[in-house]
C-alpha atoms as a PDB file:
ATOM      1  CA  MET A   1     -63.147  57.311  65.184  1.00  0.00           C
ATOM      2  CA  ASP A   2     -60.028  57.221  62.999  1.00  0.00           C
ATOM      3  CA  GLU A   3     -59.559  54.784  60.127  1.00  0.00           C
ATOM      4  CA  PRO A   4     -57.889  51.635  61.521  1.00  0.00           C
ATOM      5  CA  ASN A   5     -55.063  51.487  58.967  1.00  0.00           C
ATOM      6  CA  THR A   6     -52.317  49.218  60.302  1.00  0.00           C
ATOM      7  CA  ALA A   7     -49.295  47.322  59.010  1.00  0.00           C
ATOM      8  CA  VAL A   8     -51.563  44.367  58.212  1.00  0.00           C
ATOM      9  CA  LEU A   9     -54.694  46.216  57.054  1.00  0.00           C
ATOM     10  CA  GLU A  10     -54.957  49.017  54.499  1.00  0.00           C
ATOM     11  CA  ILE A  11     -58.172  50.986  53.973  1.00  0.00           C
ATOM     12  CA  GLU A  12     -59.136  52.983  50.904  1.00  0.00           C
ATOM     13  CA  LYS A  13     -62.242  55.213  50.902  1.00  0.00           C
ATOM     14  CA  ILE A  14     -63.874  55.339  47.474  1.00  0.00           C
ATOM     15  CA  PRO A  15     -66.589  57.986  46.932  1.00  0.00           C
ATOM     16  CA  VAL A  16     -70.051  56.761  45.995  1.00  0.00           C
ATOM     17  CA  THR A  17     -71.130  57.903  42.522  1.00  0.00           C
ATOM     18  CA  GLY A  18     -74.490  58.254  40.791  1.00  0.00           C
ATOM     19  CA  SER A  19     -76.392  59.253  43.911  1.00  0.00           C
ATOM     20  CA  SER A  20     -77.428  62.314  45.853  1.00  0.00           C
ATOM     21  CA  ILE A  21     -75.669  60.761  48.839  1.00  0.00           C
ATOM     22  CA  SER A  22     -72.170  61.763  49.906  1.00  0.00           C
ATOM     23  CA  GLY A  23     -70.453  58.693  51.272  1.00  0.00           C
ATOM     24  CA  TYR A  24     -67.876  56.023  50.639  1.00  0.00           C
ATOM     25  CA  VAL A  25     -67.257  52.381  49.920  1.00  0.00           C
ATOM     26  CA  ALA A  26     -64.478  51.192  52.230  1.00  0.00           C
ATOM     27  CA  LEU A  27     -62.022  48.836  50.506  1.00  0.00           C
ATOM     28  CA  ALA A  28     -60.057  46.979  53.202  1.00  0.00           C
ATOM     29  CA  THR A  29     -56.995  45.006  52.104  1.00  0.00           C
ATOM     30  CA  ILE A  30     -55.537  42.343  54.398  1.00  0.00           C
ATOM     31  CA  ASN A  31     -51.825  42.990  53.977  1.00  0.00           C
ATOM     32  CA  ARG A  32     -49.589  39.995  54.787  1.00  0.00           C
ATOM     33  CA  PRO A  33     -48.595  39.006  51.252  1.00  0.00           C
ATOM     34  CA  ASN A  34     -45.438  37.240  52.422  1.00  0.00           C
ATOM     35  CA  LYS A  35     -47.712  34.912  54.444  1.00  0.00           C
ATOM     36  CA  LEU A  36     -50.487  34.679  51.821  1.00  0.00           C
ATOM     37  CA  ASN A  37     -52.521  37.075  54.016  1.00  0.00           C
ATOM     38  CA  ALA A  38     -52.943  34.421  56.717  1.00  0.00           C
ATOM     39  CA  LEU A  39     -55.008  35.405  59.750  1.00  0.00           C
ATOM     40  CA  ASN A  40     -52.769  35.971  62.742  1.00  0.00           C
ATOM     41  CA  ALA A  41     -53.678  37.767  65.966  1.00  0.00           C
ATOM     42  CA  GLU A  42     -52.656  41.157  64.561  1.00  0.00           C
ATOM     43  CA  VAL A  43     -54.873  40.745  61.480  1.00  0.00           C
ATOM     44  CA  MET A  44     -57.819  39.637  63.604  1.00  0.00           C
ATOM     45  CA  GLU A  45     -57.513  42.611  65.944  1.00  0.00           C
ATOM     46  CA  SER A  46     -57.229  44.951  62.958  1.00  0.00           C
ATOM     47  CA  LEU A  47     -60.364  43.444  61.409  1.00  0.00           C
ATOM     48  CA  LYS A  48     -62.239  43.911  64.689  1.00  0.00           C
ATOM     49  CA  ALA A  49     -61.216  47.574  64.711  1.00  0.00           C
ATOM     50  CA  LEU A  50     -62.264  47.842  61.059  1.00  0.00           C
ATOM     51  CA  CYS A  51     -65.740  46.517  61.867  1.00  0.00           C
ATOM     52  CA  ALA A  52     -66.162  48.935  64.771  1.00  0.00           C
ATOM     53  CA  TRP A  53     -65.097  51.824  62.514  1.00  0.00           C
ATOM     54  CA  VAL A  54     -67.440  50.818  59.672  1.00  0.00           C
ATOM     55  CA  GLU A  55     -70.398  50.375  62.020  1.00  0.00           C
ATOM     56  CA  SER A  56     -69.902  53.734  63.731  1.00  0.00           C
ATOM     57  CA  ASN A  57     -69.061  55.806  60.638  1.00  0.00           C
ATOM     58  CA  ALA A  58     -72.187  57.048  58.846  1.00  0.00           C
ATOM     59  CA  ASP A  59     -70.123  57.956  55.768  1.00  0.00           C
ATOM     60  CA  ILE A  60     -69.212  54.314  55.124  1.00  0.00           C
ATOM     61  CA  ARG A  61     -72.032  52.724  53.156  1.00  0.00           C
ATOM     62  CA  CYS A  62     -70.501  49.408  52.080  1.00  0.00           C
ATOM     63  CA  LEU A  63     -67.409  47.379  53.023  1.00  0.00           C
ATOM     64  CA  VAL A  64     -65.307  45.398  50.531  1.00  0.00           C
ATOM     65  CA  ILE A  65     -62.648  43.034  51.908  1.00  0.00           C
ATOM     66  CA  THR A  66     -59.775  41.688  49.813  1.00  0.00           C
ATOM     67  CA  GLY A  67     -56.235  40.365  50.149  1.00  0.00           C
ATOM     68  CA  ALA A  68     -52.974  42.012  49.136  1.00  0.00           C
ATOM     69  CA  LYS A  69     -51.316  40.913  45.921  1.00  0.00           C
ATOM     70  CA  PRO A  70     -48.065  38.921  46.272  1.00  0.00           C
ATOM     71  CA  LEU A  71     -44.780  40.778  46.494  1.00  0.00           C
ATOM     72  CA  PRO A  72     -42.328  40.552  43.573  1.00  0.00           C
ATOM     73  CA  ALA A  73     -40.292  37.351  43.773  1.00  0.00           C
ATOM     74  CA  GLU A  74     -36.731  37.568  45.050  1.00  0.00           C
ATOM     75  CA  GLU A  75     -34.083  36.736  42.492  1.00  0.00           C
ATOM     76  CA  GLY A  76     -33.881  32.999  41.952  1.00  0.00           C
ATOM     77  CA  LYS A  77     -37.057  32.288  43.930  1.00  0.00           C
ATOM     78  CA  ARG A  78     -40.545  31.355  42.787  1.00  0.00           C
ATOM     79  CA  ALA A  79     -43.239  34.014  43.070  1.00  0.00           C
ATOM     80  CA  LYS A  80     -45.888  33.418  45.707  1.00  0.00           C
ATOM     81  CA  PRO A  81     -49.436  32.792  44.439  1.00  0.00           C
ATOM     82  CA  ASN A  82     -52.314  35.216  44.790  1.00  0.00           C
ATOM     83  CA  ALA A  83     -54.349  34.809  47.958  1.00  0.00           C
ATOM     84  CA  PHE A  84     -57.451  36.360  49.453  1.00  0.00           C
ATOM     85  CA  VAL A  85     -56.634  34.706  52.774  1.00  0.00           C
ATOM     86  CA  ALA A  86     -54.850  31.345  52.751  1.00  0.00           C
ATOM     87  CA  GLY A  87     -56.129  30.428  56.212  1.00  0.00           C
ATOM     88  CA  ALA A  88     -55.297  30.937  59.855  1.00  0.00           C
ATOM     89  CA  ASP A  89     -51.681  31.371  60.891  1.00  0.00           C
ATOM     90  CA  ILE A  90     -51.023  27.792  62.042  1.00  0.00           C
ATOM     91  CA  SER A  91     -47.869  28.789  63.934  1.00  0.00           C
ATOM     92  CA  GLU A  92     -50.144  30.383  66.556  1.00  0.00           C
ATOM     93  CA  PHE A  93     -51.792  27.005  67.268  1.00  0.00           C
ATOM     94  CA  VAL A  94     -48.683  25.540  68.846  1.00  0.00           C
ATOM     95  CA  GLY A  95     -49.142  24.934  72.574  1.00  0.00           C
ATOM     96  CA  MET A  96     -52.779  26.069  72.690  1.00  0.00           C
ATOM     97  CA  ASP A  97     -55.185  24.159  74.914  1.00  0.00           C
ATOM     98  CA  SER A  98     -58.978  23.960  74.684  1.00  0.00           C
ATOM     99  CA  LYS A  99     -59.574  26.848  77.097  1.00  0.00           C
ATOM    100  CA  ALA A 100     -57.366  29.297  75.174  1.00  0.00           C
ATOM    101  CA  THR A 101     -58.736  28.049  71.878  1.00  0.00           C
ATOM    102  CA  LYS A 102     -62.341  28.652  72.889  1.00  0.00           C
ATOM    103  CA  VAL A 103     -61.567  32.248  73.853  1.00  0.00           C
ATOM    104  CA  LYS A 104     -59.628  32.880  70.634  1.00  0.00           C
ATOM    105  CA  PHE A 105     -62.253  31.402  68.359  1.00  0.00           C
ATOM    106  CA  THR A 106     -65.338  32.758  70.141  1.00  0.00           C
ATOM    107  CA  ASP A 107     -64.299  36.410  70.276  1.00  0.00           C
ATOM    108  CA  ASN A 108     -63.145  36.657  66.671  1.00  0.00           C
ATOM    109  CA  ALA A 109     -63.160  39.063  63.753  1.00  0.00           C
ATOM    110  CA  VAL A 110     -65.107  36.731  61.463  1.00  0.00           C
ATOM    111  CA  GLU A 111     -68.151  37.035  63.730  1.00  0.00           C
ATOM    112  CA  LYS A 112     -67.665  40.816  63.812  1.00  0.00           C
ATOM    113  CA  ILE A 113     -67.824  40.897  60.005  1.00  0.00           C
ATOM    114  CA  TRP A 114     -70.915  38.681  60.051  1.00  0.00           C
ATOM    115  CA  SER A 115     -72.607  40.932  62.613  1.00  0.00           C
ATOM    116  CA  LEU A 116     -72.145  44.184  60.683  1.00  0.00           C
ATOM    117  CA  THR A 117     -75.451  45.843  59.808  1.00  0.00           C
ATOM    118  CA  LYS A 118     -73.954  47.375  56.653  1.00  0.00           C
ATOM    119  CA  PRO A 119     -73.464  45.445  53.393  1.00  0.00           C
ATOM    120  CA  THR A 120     -70.223  43.541  52.923  1.00  0.00           C
ATOM    121  CA  ILE A 121     -68.529  42.066  49.847  1.00  0.00           C
ATOM    122  CA  ALA A 122     -65.563  39.682  49.658  1.00  0.00           C
ATOM    123  CA  MET A 123     -63.377  40.403  46.595  1.00  0.00           C
ATOM    124  CA  ILE A 124     -61.436  37.178  46.141  1.00  0.00           C
ATOM    125  CA  ASP A 125     -58.371  36.723  43.953  1.00  0.00           C
ATOM    126  CA  GLY A 126     -56.520  33.486  44.636  1.00  0.00           C
ATOM    127  CA  PHE A 127     -56.658  31.126  47.587  1.00  0.00           C
ATOM    128  CA  ALA A 128     -59.564  31.400  50.046  1.00  0.00           C
ATOM    129  CA  LEU A 129     -58.773  28.474  52.312  1.00  0.00           C
ATOM    130  CA  GLY A 130     -59.713  27.613  55.883  1.00  0.00           C
ATOM    131  CA  GLY A 131     -60.155  30.878  57.742  1.00  0.00           C
ATOM    132  CA  GLY A 132     -60.061  32.683  54.382  1.00  0.00           C
ATOM    133  CA  CYS A 133     -63.066  30.734  53.157  1.00  0.00           C
ATOM    134  CA  GLU A 134     -64.748  31.567  56.462  1.00  0.00           C
ATOM    135  CA  VAL A 135     -64.051  35.297  56.090  1.00  0.00           C
ATOM    136  CA  ALA A 136     -65.604  35.083  52.633  1.00  0.00           C
ATOM    137  CA  CYS A 137     -68.633  33.209  53.983  1.00  0.00           C
ATOM    138  CA  SER A 138     -69.126  35.888  56.651  1.00  0.00           C
ATOM    139  CA  CYS A 139     -69.597  38.532  53.942  1.00  0.00           C
ATOM    140  CA  ASP A 140     -72.949  39.105  52.261  1.00  0.00           C
ATOM    141  CA  ILE A 141     -71.689  38.767  48.672  1.00  0.00           C
ATOM    142  CA  ARG A 142     -68.648  36.953  47.248  1.00  0.00           C
ATOM    143  CA  ILE A 143     -67.011  37.856  43.924  1.00  0.00           C
ATOM    144  CA  ALA A 144     -64.023  35.845  42.700  1.00  0.00           C
ATOM    145  CA  SER A 145     -61.458  35.869  39.916  1.00  0.00           C
ATOM    146  CA  GLU A 146     -61.340  32.882  37.580  1.00  0.00           C
ATOM    147  CA  SER A 147     -58.149  31.566  39.180  1.00  0.00           C
ATOM    148  CA  SER A 148     -59.468  31.582  42.755  1.00  0.00           C
ATOM    149  CA  LYS A 149     -59.724  28.372  44.774  1.00  0.00           C
ATOM    150  CA  PHE A 150     -61.787  27.622  47.865  1.00  0.00           C
ATOM    151  CA  GLY A 151     -61.437  24.983  50.538  1.00  0.00           C
ATOM    152  CA  THR A 152     -61.705  23.978  54.186  1.00  0.00           C
ATOM    153  CA  PRO A 153     -58.522  21.924  54.734  1.00  0.00           C
ATOM    154  CA  GLU A 154     -58.640  21.934  58.554  1.00  0.00           C
ATOM    155  CA  ILE A 155     -59.329  18.184  58.511  1.00  0.00           C
ATOM    156  CA  ASN A 156     -55.678  17.671  57.473  1.00  0.00           C
ATOM    157  CA  LEU A 157     -54.619  19.201  60.811  1.00  0.00           C
ATOM    158  CA  GLY A 158     -56.961  16.974  62.790  1.00  0.00           C
ATOM    159  CA  LEU A 159     -59.401  19.894  63.105  1.00  0.00           C
ATOM    160  CA  ILE A 160     -62.718  21.187  61.794  1.00  0.00           C
ATOM    161  CA  PRO A 161     -63.436  24.785  60.766  1.00  0.00           C
ATOM    162  CA  GLY A 162     -63.559  27.081  63.802  1.00  0.00           C
ATOM    163  CA  TYR A 163     -64.779  30.395  62.393  1.00  0.00           C
ATOM    164  CA  GLY A 164     -68.293  29.328  61.453  1.00  0.00           C
ATOM    165  CA  ALA A 165     -67.877  27.362  58.209  1.00  0.00           C
ATOM    166  CA  THR A 166     -69.676  24.281  59.547  1.00  0.00           C
ATOM    167  CA  GLN A 167     -72.740  26.531  59.794  1.00  0.00           C
ATOM    168  CA  ARG A 168     -72.466  29.307  57.180  1.00  0.00           C
ATOM    169  CA  LEU A 169     -70.951  27.111  54.457  1.00  0.00           C
ATOM    170  CA  ALA A 170     -73.766  24.595  54.940  1.00  0.00           C
ATOM    171  CA  LYS A 171     -76.332  27.398  54.619  1.00  0.00           C
ATOM    172  CA  LEU A 172     -74.722  28.537  51.360  1.00  0.00           C
ATOM    173  CA  VAL A 173     -74.001  25.251  49.572  1.00  0.00           C
ATOM    174  CA  GLY A 174     -76.123  22.648  51.373  1.00  0.00           C
ATOM    175  CA  TYR A 175     -75.468  19.825  53.803  1.00  0.00           C
ATOM    176  CA  GLY A 176     -73.895  17.322  51.428  1.00  0.00           C
ATOM    177  CA  LYS A 177     -71.466  19.641  49.647  1.00  0.00           C
ATOM    178  CA  ALA A 178     -70.414  21.355  52.887  1.00  0.00           C
ATOM    179  CA  LEU A 179     -69.605  17.993  54.466  1.00  0.00           C
ATOM    180  CA  GLU A 180     -67.722  16.872  51.361  1.00  0.00           C
ATOM    181  CA  MET A 181     -65.555  19.994  51.455  1.00  0.00           C
ATOM    182  CA  ILE A 182     -64.989  19.766  55.221  1.00  0.00           C
ATOM    183  CA  MET A 183     -64.337  15.996  55.402  1.00  0.00           C
ATOM    184  CA  THR A 184     -62.059  15.762  52.331  1.00  0.00           C
ATOM    185  CA  GLY A 185     -60.251  19.075  52.715  1.00  0.00           C
ATOM    186  CA  GLU A 186     -60.081  19.287  48.921  1.00  0.00           C
ATOM    187  CA  MET A 187     -60.098  22.610  47.081  1.00  0.00           C
ATOM    188  CA  ILE A 188     -62.696  23.609  44.506  1.00  0.00           C
ATOM    189  CA  THR A 189     -62.358  26.018  41.591  1.00  0.00           C
ATOM    190  CA  ALA A 190     -64.060  29.374  41.288  1.00  0.00           C
ATOM    191  CA  ASP A 191     -66.417  27.998  38.653  1.00  0.00           C
ATOM    192  CA  GLU A 192     -67.483  25.135  40.910  1.00  0.00           C
ATOM    193  CA  ALA A 193     -67.851  27.579  43.805  1.00  0.00           C
ATOM    194  CA  ARG A 194     -70.229  29.614  41.654  1.00  0.00           C
ATOM    195  CA  SER A 195     -72.167  26.535  40.533  1.00  0.00           C
ATOM    196  CA  ILE A 196     -72.855  25.452  44.143  1.00  0.00           C
ATOM    197  CA  GLY A 197     -73.744  28.945  45.361  1.00  0.00           C
ATOM    198  CA  LEU A 198     -70.584  29.719  47.322  1.00  0.00           C
ATOM    199  CA  VAL A 199     -69.763  32.761  45.166  1.00  0.00           C
ATOM    200  CA  ASN A 200     -72.122  35.157  43.397  1.00  0.00           C
ATOM    201  CA  HIS A 201     -69.931  36.027  40.410  1.00  0.00           C
ATOM    202  CA  VAL A 202     -66.691  34.924  38.735  1.00  0.00           C
ATOM    203  CA  CYS A 203     -64.820  37.306  36.452  1.00  0.00           C
ATOM    204  CA  LYS A 204     -61.445  37.759  34.813  1.00  0.00           C
ATOM    205  CA  GLN A 205     -58.685  38.810  37.182  1.00  0.00           C
ATOM    206  CA  GLU A 206     -58.114  42.099  35.371  1.00  0.00           C
ATOM    207  CA  ASN A 207     -61.814  42.984  35.727  1.00  0.00           C
ATOM    208  CA  LEU A 208     -62.263  41.899  39.336  1.00  0.00           C
ATOM    209  CA  ARG A 209     -61.855  45.246  41.057  1.00  0.00           C
ATOM    210  CA  GLU A 210     -63.942  47.225  38.547  1.00  0.00           C
ATOM    211  CA  PHE A 211     -66.765  44.654  38.628  1.00  0.00           C
ATOM    212  CA  THR A 212     -66.759  44.354  42.414  1.00  0.00           C
ATOM    213  CA  MET A 213     -66.682  48.084  42.996  1.00  0.00           C
ATOM    214  CA  SER A 214     -69.542  48.632  40.535  1.00  0.00           C
ATOM    215  CA  ILE A 215     -71.744  46.354  42.649  1.00  0.00           C
ATOM    216  CA  ALA A 216     -70.537  47.986  45.869  1.00  0.00           C
ATOM    217  CA  ASP A 217     -71.228  51.448  44.439  1.00  0.00           C
ATOM    218  CA  ASN A 218     -74.715  50.376  43.334  1.00  0.00           C
ATOM    219  CA  ILE A 219     -75.588  49.107  46.814  1.00  0.00           C
ATOM    220  CA  ALA A 220     -73.984  52.118  48.511  1.00  0.00           C
ATOM    221  CA  SER A 221     -76.120  54.495  46.440  1.00  0.00           C
ATOM    222  CA  LYS A 222     -79.347  53.110  47.920  1.00  0.00           C
ATOM    223  CA  SER A 223     -81.037  54.174  51.159  1.00  0.00           C
ATOM    224  CA  GLY A 224     -78.798  52.935  53.956  1.00  0.00           C
ATOM    225  CA  TYR A 225     -81.826  52.570  56.202  1.00  0.00           C
ATOM    226  CA  THR A 226     -83.575  50.293  53.711  1.00  0.00           C
ATOM    227  CA  VAL A 227     -80.436  48.292  52.874  1.00  0.00           C
ATOM    228  CA  THR A 228     -79.873  47.601  56.570  1.00  0.00           C
ATOM    229  CA  THR A 229     -83.488  46.495  56.913  1.00  0.00           C
ATOM    230  CA  ALA A 230     -83.163  44.193  53.903  1.00  0.00           C
ATOM    231  CA  LYS A 231     -80.012  42.589  55.288  1.00  0.00           C
ATOM    232  CA  ARG A 232     -81.579  42.071  58.718  1.00  0.00           C
ATOM    233  CA  VAL A 233     -84.717  40.470  57.291  1.00  0.00           C
ATOM    234  CA  VAL A 234     -82.903  38.151  54.862  1.00  0.00           C
ATOM    235  CA  LYS A 235     -80.538  37.001  57.641  1.00  0.00           C
ATOM    236  CA  ALA A 236     -83.602  36.229  59.765  1.00  0.00           C
ATOM    237  CA  ALA A 237     -84.388  33.473  57.261  1.00  0.00           C
ATOM    238  CA  LEU A 238     -81.322  31.567  58.494  1.00  0.00           C
ATOM    239  CA  ASN A 239     -82.747  31.196  62.002  1.00  0.00           C
ATOM    240  CA  SER A 240     -86.505  31.140  61.372  1.00  0.00           C
ATOM    241  CA  THR A 241     -89.163  28.849  60.020  1.00  0.00           C
ATOM    242  CA  LEU A 242     -90.810  29.982  56.795  1.00  0.00           C
ATOM    243  CA  ASP A 243     -93.886  31.219  58.649  1.00  0.00           C
ATOM    244  CA  GLU A 244     -91.768  33.080  61.220  1.00  0.00           C
ATOM    245  CA  GLY A 245     -89.677  34.675  58.478  1.00  0.00           C
ATOM    246  CA  ILE A 246     -92.688  35.847  56.524  1.00  0.00           C
ATOM    247  CA  ALA A 247     -94.105  37.407  59.682  1.00  0.00           C
ATOM    248  CA  ILE A 248     -90.806  39.211  60.285  1.00  0.00           C
ATOM    249  CA  GLU A 249     -90.802  40.449  56.688  1.00  0.00           C
ATOM    250  CA  ALA A 250     -94.382  41.742  56.958  1.00  0.00           C
ATOM    251  CA  GLU A 251     -93.563  43.648  60.153  1.00  0.00           C
ATOM    252  CA  GLU A 252     -90.384  45.204  58.718  1.00  0.00           C
ATOM    253  CA  PHE A 253     -92.040  46.012  55.386  1.00  0.00           C
ATOM    254  CA  ALA A 254     -94.844  47.859  57.158  1.00  0.00           C
ATOM    255  CA  LYS A 255     -92.395  49.840  59.329  1.00  0.00           C
ATOM    256  CA  LEU A 256     -90.702  51.215  56.218  1.00  0.00           C
ATOM    257  CA  PHE A 257     -93.897  53.159  55.443  1.00  0.00           C
ATOM    258  CA  ASP A 258     -93.107  55.322  58.464  1.00  0.00           C
ATOM    259  CA  SER A 259     -89.655  56.185  57.072  1.00  0.00           C
ATOM    260  CA  HIS A 260     -88.577  59.269  55.164  1.00  0.00           C
ATOM    261  CA  ASP A 261     -86.772  57.197  52.540  1.00  0.00           C
ATOM    262  CA  GLN A 262     -89.843  55.171  51.561  1.00  0.00           C
ATOM    263  CA  GLU A 263     -91.806  58.383  51.021  1.00  0.00           C
ATOM    264  CA  GLU A 264     -88.886  59.900  49.125  1.00  0.00           C
ATOM    265  CA  GLY A 265     -88.444  56.805  46.946  1.00  0.00           C
ATOM    266  CA  VAL A 266     -92.101  56.823  45.940  1.00  0.00           C
ATOM    267  CA  ARG A 267     -91.990  60.580  45.284  1.00  0.00           C
ATOM    268  CA  ALA A 268     -88.903  60.260  43.089  1.00  0.00           C
ATOM    269  CA  PHE A 269     -90.438  57.376  41.148  1.00  0.00           C
ATOM    270  CA  MET A 270     -93.682  59.258  40.510  1.00  0.00           C
ATOM    271  CA  GLU A 271     -91.856  62.447  39.492  1.00  0.00           C
ATOM    272  CA  ARG A 272     -89.124  60.665  37.520  1.00  0.00           C
ATOM    273  CA  ASP A 273     -86.526  62.204  39.777  1.00  0.00           C
ATOM    274  CA  LYS A 274     -83.494  60.834  41.622  1.00  0.00           C
ATOM    275  CA  PRO A 275     -84.310  60.084  45.261  1.00  0.00           C
ATOM    276  CA  LYS A 276     -82.561  62.122  47.933  1.00  0.00           C
ATOM    277  CA  TRP A 277     -82.026  59.571  50.668  1.00  0.00           C
ATOM    278  CA  LEU A 278     -81.620  60.632  54.287  1.00  0.00           C
ATOM    279  CA  ASP A 279     -81.087  57.102  55.668  1.00  0.00           C
ATOM    280  CA  ARG A 280     -84.085  57.327  57.964  1.00  0.00           C
END
């Protein structure tokens, strides 16, 4: 399956370092800088294709999603701000009824990102608002620049979030803070986002890519089989009681002892060698 590079999505394959594994981190850039990388139908279809490509391509070990930097300002005009994704493209809402809306928002790219079995990281520089905040929440890890801002302003359109923020945001930051963000529509800073658990790390803008890719490379260098298991088991905690989750963990932990990579990891540790993962 070919890389789904399109006019609104650019993909860079970055080789994994420091491992016996040959593979790549895929850096996907949403590319609508003149519209602050807003999610229109073309972007959503491109993201769906991206997810299908990542899932089916054994060489891709981790996915990083970011937004394109703003274009240079035209003479006499103010430069546009940085944006991860500034939200959905509101112009596409005009004339939609409930039936069309349900189809559009049920079969969507945000759920495809959430459903990926491989690790995902949102690299956020600038506005992550509405659908942009929801794309970020659908990733496993979120890393932001100091100037980034987060929010769910749908309430100002007479709406609520439609790409999962009422659920995933609440899981990340708690009931009270999620409702405050959703009911006020106010933005929060990157530092506040980190303090409430919405983002994992905040760093200087000039260090954002290097820092993010170092984490992606670290994860990508591990056994893909074990990483996928870890992601599946941790996500089970979102839909399980504590007792159910612990039982799931025990079952999955035991299964790993039948895998090549568990045996190889133990061997490498005992022999002070680098493990040679086979992802099985």
